[in-house]
Amino acid sequence: MRITQLPALVLACALAAGAIGAAAQSRVDLGKREFESKCAVCHGRDGKGAGPYADQLKRSLPDLTALARANGGVLPVARLYAVIEGAGAGHGPRDMPVWGLDYTVQAQEQLPDLPYNQAVFVRTRILALIDHLNQLQVR
């Protein structure tokens, strides 16, 4: 390598390192992404229940920013998990989609040949959604 090429190489390495650092800092918020792709259409991006499809539903939607306040200041994680996942009985009529089944199908489609536990995929998505709901809480 010639000495005249060295400054160009150093500059290229510095730019690459800067790009890698910037990419590492821009983390994806999985819960927010899931909320915006699956929930916001009904619940609204702010979670207050005024999404674009809310007026087409038979019931009014709850204000998801007040879940903790309505539960003595504690986010009802187990109840939220059960409602989002949708399995089991005792939830009354299902106006909301069964996201657990949707996530299971998504895992089967996206990870067919990988040795990945589909239940972990489903739990990760649901818990990420619950984490996002926790961030929306007005306390």
N, C-alpha and C. Protein backbone atom coordinates (compact mmCIF):
# COMPACT_ATOMS: atom_id res chain seq x y z
N MET A 1 0.85 -1.18 0.00
CA MET A 1 0.00 0.00 0.00
C MET A 1 0.89 1.23 0.00
N ARG A 2 0.55 2.18 -0.79
CA ARG A 2 1.31 3.43 -0.85
C ARG A 2 0.89 4.33 0.30
N ILE A 3 1.78 5.20 0.67
CA ILE A 3 1.52 6.16 1.73
C ILE A 3 0.39 7.10 1.35
N THR A 4 0.25 7.40 0.08
CA THR A 4 -0.80 8.33 -0.36
C THR A 4 -2.20 7.72 -0.21
N GLN A 5 -2.29 6.43 -0.16
CA GLN A 5 -3.59 5.76 0.00
C GLN A 5 -3.99 5.68 1.47
N LEU A 6 -3.06 5.84 2.36
CA LEU A 6 -3.32 5.70 3.79
C LEU A 6 -4.38 6.67 4.31
N PRO A 7 -4.32 7.98 3.98
CA PRO A 7 -5.37 8.89 4.48
C PRO A 7 -6.77 8.49 4.00
N ALA A 8 -6.88 8.02 2.78
CA ALA A 8 -8.19 7.60 2.26
C ALA A 8 -8.69 6.37 3.02
N LEU A 9 -7.78 5.45 3.32
CA LEU A 9 -8.16 4.25 4.07
C LEU A 9 -8.59 4.61 5.49
N VAL A 10 -7.85 5.50 6.13
CA VAL A 10 -8.20 5.94 7.49
C VAL A 10 -9.56 6.63 7.47
N LEU A 11 -9.80 7.48 6.48
CA LEU A 11 -11.08 8.17 6.37
C LEU A 11 -12.22 7.17 6.16
N ALA A 12 -12.01 6.19 5.30
CA ALA A 12 -13.04 5.17 5.04
C ALA A 12 -13.34 4.38 6.31
N CYS A 13 -12.31 4.00 7.06
CA CYS A 13 -12.52 3.26 8.31
C CYS A 13 -13.26 4.12 9.34
N ALA A 14 -12.92 5.39 9.42
CA ALA A 14 -13.60 6.28 10.36
C ALA A 14 -15.07 6.43 10.01
N LEU A 15 -15.35 6.58 8.72
CA LEU A 15 -16.76 6.69 8.30
C LEU A 15 -17.53 5.41 8.57
N ALA A 16 -16.91 4.26 8.33
CA ALA A 16 -17.56 2.98 8.58
C ALA A 16 -17.83 2.81 10.08
N ALA A 17 -16.86 3.17 10.90
CA ALA A 17 -17.05 3.06 12.34
C ALA A 17 -18.18 3.97 12.82
N GLY A 18 -18.25 5.16 12.25
CA GLY A 18 -19.33 6.08 12.61
C GLY A 18 -20.68 5.54 12.21
N ALA A 19 -20.76 4.93 11.04
CA ALA A 19 -22.03 4.36 10.57
C ALA A 19 -22.45 3.19 11.44
N ILE A 20 -21.49 2.35 11.83
CA ILE A 20 -21.81 1.22 12.70
C ILE A 20 -22.28 1.72 14.06
N GLY A 21 -21.62 2.73 14.59
CA GLY A 21 -22.04 3.30 15.88
C GLY A 21 -23.43 3.89 15.82
N ALA A 22 -23.74 4.58 14.74
CA ALA A 22 -25.07 5.18 14.59
C ALA A 22 -26.13 4.09 14.47
N ALA A 23 -25.82 3.01 13.76
CA ALA A 23 -26.78 1.91 13.61
C ALA A 23 -27.01 1.23 14.96
N ALA A 24 -25.97 1.10 15.76
CA ALA A 24 -26.12 0.46 17.07
C ALA A 24 -26.97 1.31 18.01
N GLN A 25 -26.92 2.64 17.84
CA GLN A 25 -27.68 3.52 18.72
C GLN A 25 -29.16 3.59 18.34
N SER A 26 -29.50 3.30 17.10
CA SER A 26 -30.89 3.38 16.67
C SER A 26 -31.56 2.03 16.90
N ARG A 27 -31.93 1.78 18.13
CA ARG A 27 -32.56 0.52 18.51
C ARG A 27 -34.01 0.51 18.09
N VAL A 28 -34.48 -0.65 17.74
CA VAL A 28 -35.88 -0.81 17.36
C VAL A 28 -36.68 -1.09 18.63
N ASP A 29 -37.75 -0.36 18.82
CA ASP A 29 -38.65 -0.60 19.94
C ASP A 29 -39.72 -1.58 19.45
N LEU A 30 -39.50 -2.86 19.74
CA LEU A 30 -40.40 -3.91 19.24
C LEU A 30 -41.83 -3.69 19.72
N GLY A 31 -42.02 -3.31 20.97
CA GLY A 31 -43.36 -3.09 21.49
C GLY A 31 -44.09 -1.97 20.77
N LYS A 32 -43.39 -0.88 20.53
CA LYS A 32 -44.00 0.24 19.81
C LYS A 32 -44.33 -0.16 18.38
N ARG A 33 -43.41 -0.88 17.74
CA ARG A 33 -43.66 -1.33 16.37
C ARG A 33 -44.86 -2.27 16.31
N GLU A 34 -44.97 -3.19 17.25
CA GLU A 34 -46.12 -4.10 17.29
C GLU A 34 -47.41 -3.34 17.55
N PHE A 35 -47.37 -2.40 18.48
CA PHE A 35 -48.55 -1.61 18.81
C PHE A 35 -49.03 -0.83 17.58
N GLU A 36 -48.09 -0.19 16.91
CA GLU A 36 -48.47 0.62 15.75
C GLU A 36 -48.98 -0.23 14.59
N SER A 37 -48.48 -1.46 14.47
CA SER A 37 -48.92 -2.29 13.35
C SER A 37 -50.18 -3.09 13.66
N LYS A 38 -50.45 -3.38 14.92
CA LYS A 38 -51.59 -4.24 15.25
C LYS A 38 -52.68 -3.54 16.06
N CYS A 39 -52.33 -2.60 16.88
CA CYS A 39 -53.29 -2.04 17.84
C CYS A 39 -53.76 -0.62 17.51
N ALA A 40 -52.88 0.17 16.95
CA ALA A 40 -53.18 1.59 16.75
C ALA A 40 -54.36 1.84 15.83
N VAL A 41 -54.64 0.92 14.93
CA VAL A 41 -55.75 1.11 14.01
C VAL A 41 -57.08 1.23 14.77
N CYS A 42 -57.20 0.58 15.89
CA CYS A 42 -58.40 0.71 16.73
C CYS A 42 -58.15 1.62 17.93
N HIS A 43 -57.05 1.37 18.64
CA HIS A 43 -56.79 2.09 19.90
C HIS A 43 -56.16 3.46 19.70
N GLY A 44 -55.71 3.76 18.48
CA GLY A 44 -55.03 5.03 18.24
C GLY A 44 -53.56 4.93 18.60
N ARG A 45 -52.74 5.72 17.95
CA ARG A 45 -51.30 5.69 18.22
C ARG A 45 -50.98 6.10 19.64
N ASP A 46 -51.84 6.92 20.23
CA ASP A 46 -51.62 7.37 21.61
C ASP A 46 -52.25 6.42 22.63
N GLY A 47 -53.01 5.42 22.17
CA GLY A 47 -53.62 4.44 23.06
C GLY A 47 -54.89 4.90 23.75
N LYS A 48 -55.42 6.03 23.37
CA LYS A 48 -56.59 6.58 24.06
C LYS A 48 -57.92 6.07 23.50
N GLY A 49 -57.87 5.23 22.45
CA GLY A 49 -59.10 4.60 21.96
C GLY A 49 -59.74 5.27 20.77
N ALA A 50 -59.02 6.16 20.11
CA ALA A 50 -59.61 6.89 18.99
C ALA A 50 -58.85 6.64 17.70
N GLY A 51 -58.63 5.36 17.39
CA GLY A 51 -57.97 5.01 16.15
C GLY A 51 -58.91 5.14 14.97
N PRO A 52 -58.39 5.03 13.75
CA PRO A 52 -59.22 5.21 12.56
C PRO A 52 -60.41 4.26 12.46
N TYR A 53 -60.31 3.06 13.03
CA TYR A 53 -61.41 2.10 12.95
C TYR A 53 -62.30 2.10 14.19
N ALA A 54 -61.99 2.90 15.18
CA ALA A 54 -62.73 2.88 16.45
C ALA A 54 -64.21 3.15 16.28
N ASP A 55 -64.57 4.03 15.37
CA ASP A 55 -65.99 4.36 15.20
C ASP A 55 -66.78 3.24 14.51
N GLN A 56 -66.10 2.25 13.96
CA GLN A 56 -66.77 1.13 13.32
C GLN A 56 -67.04 -0.03 14.28
N LEU A 57 -66.58 0.09 15.50
CA LEU A 57 -66.75 -0.98 16.48
C LEU A 57 -68.04 -0.79 17.27
N LYS A 58 -68.57 -1.88 17.79
CA LYS A 58 -69.82 -1.84 18.54
C LYS A 58 -69.64 -1.22 19.91
N ARG A 59 -68.48 -1.44 20.52
CA ARG A 59 -68.20 -0.91 21.85
C ARG A 59 -67.13 0.18 21.77
N SER A 60 -67.17 1.07 22.74
CA SER A 60 -66.08 2.06 22.81
C SER A 60 -64.85 1.36 23.39
N LEU A 61 -63.71 1.84 23.00
CA LEU A 61 -62.45 1.22 23.43
C LEU A 61 -61.94 1.88 24.70
N PRO A 62 -61.26 1.09 25.53
CA PRO A 62 -60.71 1.67 26.75
C PRO A 62 -59.53 2.59 26.46
N ASP A 63 -59.31 3.52 27.36
CA ASP A 63 -58.14 4.38 27.30
C ASP A 63 -56.97 3.57 27.84
N LEU A 64 -56.11 3.11 26.97
CA LEU A 64 -55.00 2.24 27.39
C LEU A 64 -53.94 2.99 28.19
N THR A 65 -54.02 4.31 28.23
CA THR A 65 -53.06 5.08 29.02
C THR A 65 -53.48 5.15 30.50
N ALA A 66 -54.67 4.69 30.80
CA ALA A 66 -55.18 4.76 32.18
C ALA A 66 -55.36 3.39 32.81
N LEU A 67 -54.76 2.36 32.25
CA LEU A 67 -54.92 1.01 32.78
C LEU A 67 -54.36 0.87 34.20
N ALA A 68 -53.18 1.42 34.42
CA ALA A 68 -52.57 1.33 35.75
C ALA A 68 -53.37 2.13 36.77
N ARG A 69 -53.78 3.34 36.38
CA ARG A 69 -54.55 4.19 37.29
C ARG A 69 -55.85 3.49 37.71
N ALA A 70 -56.49 2.81 36.77
CA ALA A 70 -57.74 2.10 37.08
C ALA A 70 -57.50 0.84 37.90
N ASN A 71 -56.25 0.44 38.05
CA ASN A 71 -55.91 -0.78 38.79
C ASN A 71 -55.03 -0.44 40.00
N GLY A 72 -55.33 0.65 40.65
CA GLY A 72 -54.59 1.02 41.87
C GLY A 72 -53.15 1.41 41.62
N GLY A 73 -52.83 1.90 40.43
CA GLY A 73 -51.47 2.33 40.13
C GLY A 73 -50.56 1.24 39.61
N VAL A 74 -51.10 0.03 39.44
CA VAL A 74 -50.29 -1.09 38.98
C VAL A 74 -50.84 -1.59 37.64
N LEU A 75 -49.97 -1.71 36.66
CA LEU A 75 -50.40 -2.23 35.37
C LEU A 75 -50.80 -3.70 35.52
N PRO A 76 -52.00 -4.09 35.11
CA PRO A 76 -52.46 -5.47 35.27
C PRO A 76 -51.85 -6.39 34.19
N VAL A 77 -50.60 -6.73 34.37
CA VAL A 77 -49.84 -7.45 33.35
C VAL A 77 -50.47 -8.80 33.01
N ALA A 78 -50.83 -9.59 33.99
CA ALA A 78 -51.40 -10.92 33.73
C ALA A 78 -52.70 -10.81 32.94
N ARG A 79 -53.54 -9.86 33.31
CA ARG A 79 -54.80 -9.68 32.59
C ARG A 79 -54.55 -9.20 31.16
N LEU A 80 -53.63 -8.27 30.99
CA LEU A 80 -53.28 -7.79 29.66
C LEU A 80 -52.73 -8.93 28.80
N TYR A 81 -51.87 -9.73 29.37
CA TYR A 81 -51.30 -10.85 28.63
C TYR A 81 -52.42 -11.79 28.15
N ALA A 82 -53.34 -12.11 29.05
CA ALA A 82 -54.44 -13.02 28.69
C ALA A 82 -55.33 -12.43 27.60
N VAL A 83 -55.61 -11.15 27.67
CA VAL A 83 -56.46 -10.51 26.67
C VAL A 83 -55.75 -10.45 25.31
N ILE A 84 -54.49 -10.07 25.32
CA ILE A 84 -53.75 -9.97 24.06
C ILE A 84 -53.56 -11.35 23.45
N GLU A 85 -53.18 -12.32 24.27
CA GLU A 85 -52.92 -13.66 23.76
C GLU A 85 -54.20 -14.32 23.29
N GLY A 86 -55.29 -14.16 24.06
CA GLY A 86 -56.60 -14.59 23.61
C GLY A 86 -56.96 -16.04 23.83
N ALA A 87 -56.10 -16.83 24.43
CA ALA A 87 -56.42 -18.23 24.67
C ALA A 87 -57.20 -18.38 25.98
N GLY A 88 -57.88 -19.46 26.12
CA GLY A 88 -58.62 -19.74 27.35
C GLY A 88 -60.01 -19.15 27.33
N ALA A 89 -60.76 -19.49 28.35
CA ALA A 89 -62.15 -19.04 28.45
C ALA A 89 -62.26 -17.97 29.53
N GLY A 90 -63.41 -17.38 29.60
CA GLY A 90 -63.69 -16.42 30.66
C GLY A 90 -63.41 -14.98 30.30
N HIS A 91 -63.16 -14.71 29.05
CA HIS A 91 -62.90 -13.33 28.65
C HIS A 91 -64.13 -12.66 28.07
N GLY A 92 -65.21 -13.38 28.00
CA GLY A 92 -66.41 -12.80 27.41
C GLY A 92 -66.29 -12.79 25.90
N PRO A 93 -67.14 -12.05 25.24
CA PRO A 93 -67.07 -12.01 23.77
C PRO A 93 -65.77 -11.38 23.31
N ARG A 94 -65.23 -11.93 22.24
CA ARG A 94 -63.96 -11.44 21.71
C ARG A 94 -64.19 -10.42 20.62
N ASP A 95 -64.13 -9.17 20.98
CA ASP A 95 -64.18 -8.11 19.98
C ASP A 95 -62.79 -7.85 19.44
N MET A 96 -61.79 -8.15 20.23
CA MET A 96 -60.41 -7.91 19.85
C MET A 96 -59.83 -9.17 19.20
N PRO A 97 -58.98 -9.01 18.21
CA PRO A 97 -58.36 -10.19 17.58
C PRO A 97 -57.54 -11.01 18.57
N VAL A 98 -57.40 -12.28 18.30
CA VAL A 98 -56.60 -13.18 19.12
C VAL A 98 -55.17 -13.10 18.60
N TRP A 99 -54.38 -12.23 19.21
CA TRP A 99 -53.03 -11.99 18.70
C TRP A 99 -52.10 -13.17 18.96
N GLY A 100 -52.35 -13.96 19.98
CA GLY A 100 -51.51 -15.14 20.23
C GLY A 100 -51.53 -16.08 19.05
N LEU A 101 -52.69 -16.32 18.49
CA LEU A 101 -52.81 -17.18 17.30
C LEU A 101 -52.13 -16.52 16.10
N ASP A 102 -52.33 -15.24 15.94
CA ASP A 102 -51.70 -14.51 14.84
C ASP A 102 -50.18 -14.59 14.94
N TYR A 103 -49.64 -14.42 16.13
CA TYR A 103 -48.19 -14.50 16.32
C TYR A 103 -47.69 -15.92 16.08
N THR A 104 -48.47 -16.93 16.46
CA THR A 104 -48.07 -18.31 16.23
C THR A 104 -47.98 -18.60 14.74
N VAL A 105 -48.96 -18.15 13.99
CA VAL A 105 -48.93 -18.31 12.53
C VAL A 105 -47.75 -17.56 11.95
N GLN A 106 -47.52 -16.35 12.44
CA GLN A 106 -46.39 -15.55 11.97
C GLN A 106 -45.07 -16.27 12.24
N ALA A 107 -44.93 -16.88 13.40
CA ALA A 107 -43.70 -17.62 13.73
C ALA A 107 -43.53 -18.81 12.80
N GLN A 108 -44.61 -19.51 12.51
CA GLN A 108 -44.52 -20.66 11.60
C GLN A 108 -44.11 -20.23 10.20
N GLU A 109 -44.60 -19.07 9.76
CA GLU A 109 -44.26 -18.58 8.42
C GLU A 109 -42.84 -18.04 8.35
N GLN A 110 -42.41 -17.34 9.39
CA GLN A 110 -41.11 -16.68 9.34
C GLN A 110 -39.96 -17.58 9.77
N LEU A 111 -40.26 -18.58 10.57
CA LEU A 111 -39.20 -19.41 11.13
C LEU A 111 -39.41 -20.90 10.85
N PRO A 112 -39.78 -21.30 9.64
CA PRO A 112 -40.15 -22.69 9.42
C PRO A 112 -39.02 -23.69 9.61
N ASP A 113 -37.81 -23.33 9.24
CA ASP A 113 -36.70 -24.28 9.29
C ASP A 113 -35.71 -23.99 10.41
N LEU A 114 -36.00 -23.00 11.22
CA LEU A 114 -35.07 -22.65 12.28
C LEU A 114 -35.43 -23.38 13.57
N PRO A 115 -34.44 -23.76 14.33
CA PRO A 115 -34.72 -24.43 15.61
C PRO A 115 -35.08 -23.39 16.67
N TYR A 116 -36.21 -22.74 16.48
CA TYR A 116 -36.63 -21.65 17.35
C TYR A 116 -37.97 -22.03 17.97
N ASN A 117 -38.10 -21.82 19.24
CA ASN A 117 -39.33 -22.15 19.94
C ASN A 117 -40.39 -21.10 19.60
N GLN A 118 -41.46 -21.53 18.95
CA GLN A 118 -42.50 -20.59 18.54
C GLN A 118 -43.18 -19.93 19.73
N ALA A 119 -43.29 -20.63 20.84
CA ALA A 119 -43.90 -20.04 22.03
C ALA A 119 -43.08 -18.85 22.53
N VAL A 120 -41.77 -18.93 22.39
CA VAL A 120 -40.91 -17.81 22.79
C VAL A 120 -41.17 -16.62 21.88
N PHE A 121 -41.34 -16.87 20.59
CA PHE A 121 -41.65 -15.81 19.63
C PHE A 121 -42.94 -15.11 20.04
N VAL A 122 -43.97 -15.88 20.36
CA VAL A 122 -45.28 -15.33 20.75
C VAL A 122 -45.15 -14.54 22.04
N ARG A 123 -44.53 -15.13 23.06
CA ARG A 123 -44.36 -14.43 24.35
C ARG A 123 -43.58 -13.14 24.19
N THR A 124 -42.53 -13.16 23.38
CA THR A 124 -41.71 -11.97 23.18
C THR A 124 -42.54 -10.83 22.61
N ARG A 125 -43.37 -11.13 21.62
CA ARG A 125 -44.20 -10.09 21.00
C ARG A 125 -45.23 -9.55 22.00
N ILE A 126 -45.88 -10.44 22.73
CA ILE A 126 -46.90 -10.00 23.69
C ILE A 126 -46.27 -9.19 24.82
N LEU A 127 -45.16 -9.65 25.36
CA LEU A 127 -44.51 -8.91 26.44
C LEU A 127 -43.96 -7.57 25.96
N ALA A 128 -43.52 -7.51 24.72
CA ALA A 128 -43.07 -6.23 24.16
C ALA A 128 -44.25 -5.26 24.06
N LEU A 129 -45.41 -5.77 23.64
CA LEU A 129 -46.62 -4.93 23.60
C LEU A 129 -46.98 -4.42 24.99
N ILE A 130 -46.92 -5.30 25.97
CA ILE A 130 -47.24 -4.90 27.34
C ILE A 130 -46.24 -3.86 27.85
N ASP A 131 -44.97 -4.03 27.50
CA ASP A 131 -43.98 -3.03 27.88
C ASP A 131 -44.31 -1.68 27.27
N HIS A 132 -44.74 -1.68 26.02
CA HIS A 132 -45.13 -0.42 25.38
C HIS A 132 -46.35 0.18 26.08
N LEU A 133 -47.32 -0.65 26.43
CA LEU A 133 -48.48 -0.15 27.16
C LEU A 133 -48.06 0.46 28.50
N ASN A 134 -47.07 -0.15 29.14
CA ASN A 134 -46.57 0.40 30.40
C ASN A 134 -45.96 1.79 30.18
N GLN A 135 -45.28 1.97 29.06
CA GLN A 135 -44.70 3.28 28.75
C GLN A 135 -45.77 4.33 28.46
N LEU A 136 -46.94 3.91 28.02
CA LEU A 136 -48.03 4.84 27.71
C LEU A 136 -48.79 5.31 28.95
N GLN A 137 -48.58 4.66 30.09
CA GLN A 137 -49.37 4.96 31.28
C GLN A 137 -49.16 6.39 31.78
N VAL A 138 -50.27 7.04 32.10
CA VAL A 138 -50.23 8.35 32.72
C VAL A 138 -50.31 8.11 34.22
N ARG A 139 -49.30 8.52 34.91
CA ARG A 139 -49.26 8.25 36.37
C ARG A 139 -49.31 9.51 37.16
